[in-house]
Amino acid sequence: MFKFIWAEDSQHAIGNEGHLPWRLPEDMHFFRDTTMNHTLVSGSRTFESYGRPLPHRKNIVMANNPEATFPEGVIVMHSLDELLAYEKATDEAIFISGGATIFKLLLPYVSELYVTKLDGTFTADTFMPEIDYSQFELIDSREGILDEQNTIPHRFEHYRRK
């Protein structure tokens, strides 16, 4: 079961120069807590932005370049068919963390969406592909905490495919 997890601004921006365009610790904690002890799939650039395999997760990287190397323990897949076969053979939750190309590729197969929506716009060069939210039902929404470390108004939304 594929589940998307990402944060976006009001213009659907998700990245700038290989990094998040904002600093929002509560979202980082949400990401960690939601994906902990699950499988996490990312594209190679998104994986690089983590700086290392994320602990307590099975890290899968979708890589176009067959020559690309990744740290020990990281599973590398080179095609959508390979990932779909993996998903079909398991009952585990598989979180997709981006980037935009991976989200677009897997959009027809996703069953749940975990999105942190930030109020405001940020300088960005990467945007979330368009999602037809009429195909999903909002099952949870909560406002994020605003404090000295989390200064950007935000909310956490969870959708399930109808």
C-alpha atoms as a PDB file:
ATOM      1  CA  MET A   1       0.000   0.000   0.000  1.00  0.00           C
ATOM      2  CA  PHE A   2       1.605   3.251  -1.159  1.00  0.00           C
ATOM      3  CA  LYS A   3       1.266   6.339   1.016  1.00  0.00           C
ATOM      4  CA  PHE A   4       2.593   9.755   0.026  1.00  0.00           C
ATOM      5  CA  ILE A   5       4.119  11.980   2.702  1.00  0.00           C
ATOM      6  CA  TRP A   6       5.266  15.530   1.953  1.00  0.00           C
ATOM      7  CA  ALA A   7       5.014  19.195   2.918  1.00  0.00           C
ATOM      8  CA  GLU A   8       4.018  21.956   0.516  1.00  0.00           C
ATOM      9  CA  ASP A   9       3.433  25.677   0.538  1.00  0.00           C
ATOM     10  CA  SER A  10       0.328  27.435  -0.785  1.00  0.00           C
ATOM     11  CA  GLN A  11       1.698  27.192  -4.359  1.00  0.00           C
ATOM     12  CA  HIS A  12       2.463  23.432  -3.987  1.00  0.00           C
ATOM     13  CA  ALA A  13       6.223  24.053  -3.699  1.00  0.00           C
ATOM     14  CA  ILE A  14       8.094  21.116  -2.162  1.00  0.00           C
ATOM     15  CA  GLY A  15      11.765  21.888  -2.737  1.00  0.00           C
ATOM     16  CA  ASN A  16      14.455  24.338  -3.670  1.00  0.00           C
ATOM     17  CA  GLU A  17      17.939  23.350  -4.835  1.00  0.00           C
ATOM     18  CA  GLY A  18      17.551  19.871  -3.376  1.00  0.00           C
ATOM     19  CA  HIS A  19      16.317  20.940   0.048  1.00  0.00           C
ATOM     20  CA  LEU A  20      13.120  22.003   1.771  1.00  0.00           C
ATOM     21  CA  PRO A  21      12.536  25.739   1.276  1.00  0.00           C
ATOM     22  CA  TRP A  22      11.563  26.177   4.967  1.00  0.00           C
ATOM     23  CA  ARG A  23      12.480  25.091   8.459  1.00  0.00           C
ATOM     24  CA  LEU A  24       9.599  23.519  10.371  1.00  0.00           C
ATOM     25  CA  PRO A  25      10.688  21.157  13.174  1.00  0.00           C
ATOM     26  CA  GLU A  26       7.145  19.960  13.943  1.00  0.00           C
ATOM     27  CA  ASP A  27       6.832  18.676  10.377  1.00  0.00           C
ATOM     28  CA  MET A  28      10.179  16.861  10.682  1.00  0.00           C
ATOM     29  CA  HIS A  29       8.899  15.164  13.864  1.00  0.00           C
ATOM     30  CA  PHE A  30       5.635  14.265  12.117  1.00  0.00           C
ATOM     31  CA  PHE A  31       7.561  12.756   9.192  1.00  0.00           C
ATOM     32  CA  ARG A  32       9.801  10.764  11.527  1.00  0.00           C
ATOM     33  CA  ASP A  33       6.943   9.505  13.713  1.00  0.00           C
ATOM     34  CA  THR A  34       4.725   8.595  10.734  1.00  0.00           C
ATOM     35  CA  THR A  35       7.378   6.730   8.737  1.00  0.00           C
ATOM     36  CA  MET A  36       9.214   5.081  11.640  1.00  0.00           C
ATOM     37  CA  ASN A  37       9.422   1.270  11.313  1.00  0.00           C
ATOM     38  CA  HIS A  38       8.005   1.390   7.779  1.00  0.00           C
ATOM     39  CA  THR A  39       9.445   1.282   4.281  1.00  0.00           C
ATOM     40  CA  LEU A  40      10.433   4.650   2.821  1.00  0.00           C
ATOM     41  CA  VAL A  41      10.859   5.136  -0.939  1.00  0.00           C
ATOM     42  CA  SER A  42      12.582   8.190  -2.355  1.00  0.00           C
ATOM     43  CA  GLY A  43      14.221   9.274  -5.549  1.00  0.00           C
ATOM     44  CA  SER A  44      18.000   9.557  -5.515  1.00  0.00           C
ATOM     45  CA  ARG A  45      18.041  13.360  -5.097  1.00  0.00           C
ATOM     46  CA  THR A  46      15.561  13.208  -2.216  1.00  0.00           C
ATOM     47  CA  PHE A  47      17.616  10.442  -0.621  1.00  0.00           C
ATOM     48  CA  GLU A  48      20.761  12.585  -1.001  1.00  0.00           C
ATOM     49  CA  SER A  49      19.001  15.427   0.833  1.00  0.00           C
ATOM     50  CA  TYR A  50      18.686  13.155   3.896  1.00  0.00           C
ATOM     51  CA  GLY A  51      22.455  12.756   3.996  1.00  0.00           C
ATOM     52  CA  ARG A  52      22.177   9.130   5.144  1.00  0.00           C
ATOM     53  CA  PRO A  53      19.755   6.206   5.294  1.00  0.00           C
ATOM     54  CA  LEU A  54      17.012   7.164   7.730  1.00  0.00           C
ATOM     55  CA  PRO A  55      17.169   4.980  10.838  1.00  0.00           C
ATOM     56  CA  HIS A  56      14.469   2.488  11.797  1.00  0.00           C
ATOM     57  CA  ARG A  57      13.131   2.387   8.231  1.00  0.00           C
ATOM     58  CA  LYS A  58      13.705   0.198   5.236  1.00  0.00           C
ATOM     59  CA  ASN A  59      15.216   2.704   2.783  1.00  0.00           C
ATOM     60  CA  ILE A  60      14.463   2.149  -0.913  1.00  0.00           C
ATOM     61  CA  VAL A  61      15.879   4.488  -3.544  1.00  0.00           C
ATOM     62  CA  MET A  62      14.486   4.723  -7.062  1.00  0.00           C
ATOM     63  CA  ALA A  63      17.530   5.439  -9.224  1.00  0.00           C
ATOM     64  CA  ASN A  64      17.682   6.000 -12.980  1.00  0.00           C
ATOM     65  CA  ASN A  65      21.440   5.669 -13.073  1.00  0.00           C
ATOM     66  CA  PRO A  66      22.476   1.989 -12.892  1.00  0.00           C
ATOM     67  CA  GLU A  67      25.982   3.125 -11.871  1.00  0.00           C
ATOM     68  CA  ALA A  68      24.740   5.054  -8.809  1.00  0.00           C
ATOM     69  CA  THR A  69      25.981   3.771  -5.475  1.00  0.00           C
ATOM     70  CA  PHE A  70      24.272   4.051  -2.115  1.00  0.00           C
ATOM     71  CA  PRO A  71      25.197   3.149   1.453  1.00  0.00           C
ATOM     72  CA  GLU A  72      25.044  -0.458   2.612  1.00  0.00           C
ATOM     73  CA  GLY A  73      21.540  -1.553   3.512  1.00  0.00           C
ATOM     74  CA  VAL A  74      19.806   0.740   1.040  1.00  0.00           C
ATOM     75  CA  ILE A  75      17.689  -1.141  -1.487  1.00  0.00           C
ATOM     76  CA  VAL A  76      18.011   0.273  -4.997  1.00  0.00           C
ATOM     77  CA  MET A  77      15.285  -0.160  -7.602  1.00  0.00           C
ATOM     78  CA  HIS A  78      15.513   1.025 -11.185  1.00  0.00           C
ATOM     79  CA  SER A  79      11.954   0.785 -12.494  1.00  0.00           C
ATOM     80  CA  LEU A  80       8.316   1.299 -11.639  1.00  0.00           C
ATOM     81  CA  ASP A  81       7.669  -2.384 -12.440  1.00  0.00           C
ATOM     82  CA  GLU A  82      10.272  -3.439  -9.884  1.00  0.00           C
ATOM     83  CA  LEU A  83       8.666  -1.266  -7.179  1.00  0.00           C
ATOM     84  CA  LEU A  84       5.128  -2.401  -8.067  1.00  0.00           C
ATOM     85  CA  ALA A  85       6.229  -6.053  -7.849  1.00  0.00           C
ATOM     86  CA  TYR A  86       7.763  -5.350  -4.434  1.00  0.00           C
ATOM     87  CA  GLU A  87       4.562  -3.672  -3.241  1.00  0.00           C
ATOM     88  CA  LYS A  88       2.414  -6.538  -4.510  1.00  0.00           C
ATOM     89  CA  ALA A  89       4.568  -9.100  -2.669  1.00  0.00           C
ATOM     90  CA  THR A  90       4.245  -7.414   0.735  1.00  0.00           C
ATOM     91  CA  ASP A  91       1.538  -6.162   3.047  1.00  0.00           C
ATOM     92  CA  GLU A  92       3.710  -3.457   4.581  1.00  0.00           C
ATOM     93  CA  ALA A  93       2.928   0.239   4.361  1.00  0.00           C
ATOM     94  CA  ILE A  94       5.248   1.903   1.856  1.00  0.00           C
ATOM     95  CA  PHE A  95       5.734   5.636   2.311  1.00  0.00           C
ATOM     96  CA  ILE A  96       6.786   7.693  -0.700  1.00  0.00           C
ATOM     97  CA  SER A  97       8.761  10.814   0.229  1.00  0.00           C
ATOM     98  CA  GLY A  98       9.471  12.254  -3.203  1.00  0.00           C
ATOM     99  CA  GLY A  99      10.677  13.928  -5.194  1.00  0.00           C
ATOM    100  CA  ALA A 100       8.209  15.276  -7.689  1.00  0.00           C
ATOM    101  CA  THR A 101       9.079  12.726 -10.391  1.00  0.00           C
ATOM    102  CA  ILE A 102       8.497   9.796  -8.026  1.00  0.00           C
ATOM    103  CA  PHE A 103       5.227  11.299  -6.790  1.00  0.00           C
ATOM    104  CA  LYS A 104       4.009  11.746 -10.366  1.00  0.00           C
ATOM    105  CA  LEU A 105       5.041   8.209 -11.314  1.00  0.00           C
ATOM    106  CA  LEU A 106       3.197   6.652  -8.369  1.00  0.00           C
ATOM    107  CA  LEU A 107       0.135   8.910  -8.251  1.00  0.00           C
ATOM    108  CA  PRO A 108      -2.153   6.301  -9.917  1.00  0.00           C
ATOM    109  CA  TYR A 109      -1.179   3.749  -7.248  1.00  0.00           C
ATOM    110  CA  VAL A 110      -1.314   5.785  -4.030  1.00  0.00           C
ATOM    111  CA  SER A 111      -3.960   4.948  -1.435  1.00  0.00           C
ATOM    112  CA  GLU A 112      -3.238   7.568   1.246  1.00  0.00           C
ATOM    113  CA  LEU A 113      -1.865  11.101   1.387  1.00  0.00           C
ATOM    114  CA  TYR A 114      -0.135  12.683   4.377  1.00  0.00           C
ATOM    115  CA  VAL A 115       0.428  16.334   3.575  1.00  0.00           C
ATOM    116  CA  THR A 116       1.657  19.195   5.712  1.00  0.00           C
ATOM    117  CA  LYS A 117       0.215  22.380   4.223  1.00  0.00           C
ATOM    118  CA  LEU A 118       2.158  25.534   4.989  1.00  0.00           C
ATOM    119  CA  ASP A 119       0.494  28.923   4.797  1.00  0.00           C
ATOM    120  CA  GLY A 120       2.678  31.148   2.644  1.00  0.00           C
ATOM    121  CA  THR A 121       4.904  30.908  -0.387  1.00  0.00           C
ATOM    122  CA  PHE A 122       8.608  30.165  -0.555  1.00  0.00           C
ATOM    123  CA  THR A 123      11.331  30.326  -3.192  1.00  0.00           C
ATOM    124  CA  ALA A 124      11.200  26.953  -4.909  1.00  0.00           C
ATOM    125  CA  ASP A 125      12.195  25.062  -8.033  1.00  0.00           C
ATOM    126  CA  THR A 126      10.271  21.839  -7.362  1.00  0.00           C
ATOM    127  CA  PHE A 127       6.506  21.477  -7.105  1.00  0.00           C
ATOM    128  CA  MET A 128       4.098  18.700  -6.182  1.00  0.00           C
ATOM    129  CA  PRO A 129       2.327  17.191  -9.184  1.00  0.00           C
ATOM    130  CA  GLU A 130      -1.343  18.063  -9.421  1.00  0.00           C
ATOM    131  CA  ILE A 131      -3.537  15.763  -7.335  1.00  0.00           C
ATOM    132  CA  ASP A 132      -7.252  15.323  -8.011  1.00  0.00           C
ATOM    133  CA  TYR A 133      -8.481  15.551  -4.433  1.00  0.00           C
ATOM    134  CA  SER A 134     -12.007  14.555  -5.536  1.00  0.00           C
ATOM    135  CA  GLN A 135     -10.598  10.992  -5.617  1.00  0.00           C
ATOM    136  CA  PHE A 136      -9.676  11.220  -1.925  1.00  0.00           C
ATOM    137  CA  GLU A 137     -11.530  11.715   1.329  1.00  0.00           C
ATOM    138  CA  LEU A 138     -10.104  13.887   4.114  1.00  0.00           C
ATOM    139  CA  ILE A 139     -10.027  11.638   7.176  1.00  0.00           C
ATOM    140  CA  ASP A 140      -7.996  13.796   9.576  1.00  0.00           C
ATOM    141  CA  SER A 141      -6.883  17.403   9.807  1.00  0.00           C
ATOM    142  CA  ARG A 142      -5.191  19.247  12.647  1.00  0.00           C
ATOM    143  CA  GLU A 143      -3.539  22.597  13.023  1.00  0.00           C
ATOM    144  CA  GLY A 144       0.164  22.623  13.698  1.00  0.00           C
ATOM    145  CA  ILE A 145       1.766  24.203  16.716  1.00  0.00           C
ATOM    146  CA  LEU A 146       3.061  27.754  16.429  1.00  0.00           C
ATOM    147  CA  ASP A 147       5.947  28.622  18.740  1.00  0.00           C
ATOM    148  CA  GLU A 148       9.460  30.079  18.637  1.00  0.00           C
ATOM    149  CA  GLN A 149      10.749  27.116  16.570  1.00  0.00           C
ATOM    150  CA  ASN A 150       7.660  26.573  14.394  1.00  0.00           C
ATOM    151  CA  THR A 151       6.881  30.035  13.083  1.00  0.00           C
ATOM    152  CA  ILE A 152       5.050  29.076   9.891  1.00  0.00           C
ATOM    153  CA  PRO A 153       1.298  28.452  10.198  1.00  0.00           C
ATOM    154  CA  HIS A 154       0.641  24.895   9.015  1.00  0.00           C
ATOM    155  CA  ARG A 155      -1.760  21.993   9.260  1.00  0.00           C
ATOM    156  CA  PHE A 156      -1.469  18.261   8.899  1.00  0.00           C
ATOM    157  CA  GLU A 157      -3.969  16.552   6.582  1.00  0.00           C
ATOM    158  CA  HIS A 158      -4.521  12.856   5.973  1.00  0.00           C
ATOM    159  CA  TYR A 159      -6.529  11.618   2.965  1.00  0.00           C
ATOM    160  CA  ARG A 160      -7.623   8.154   1.877  1.00  0.00           C
ATOM    161  CA  ARG A 161      -8.538   7.205  -1.660  1.00  0.00           C
ATOM    162  CA  LYS A 162     -12.316   6.776  -2.075  1.00  0.00           C
END
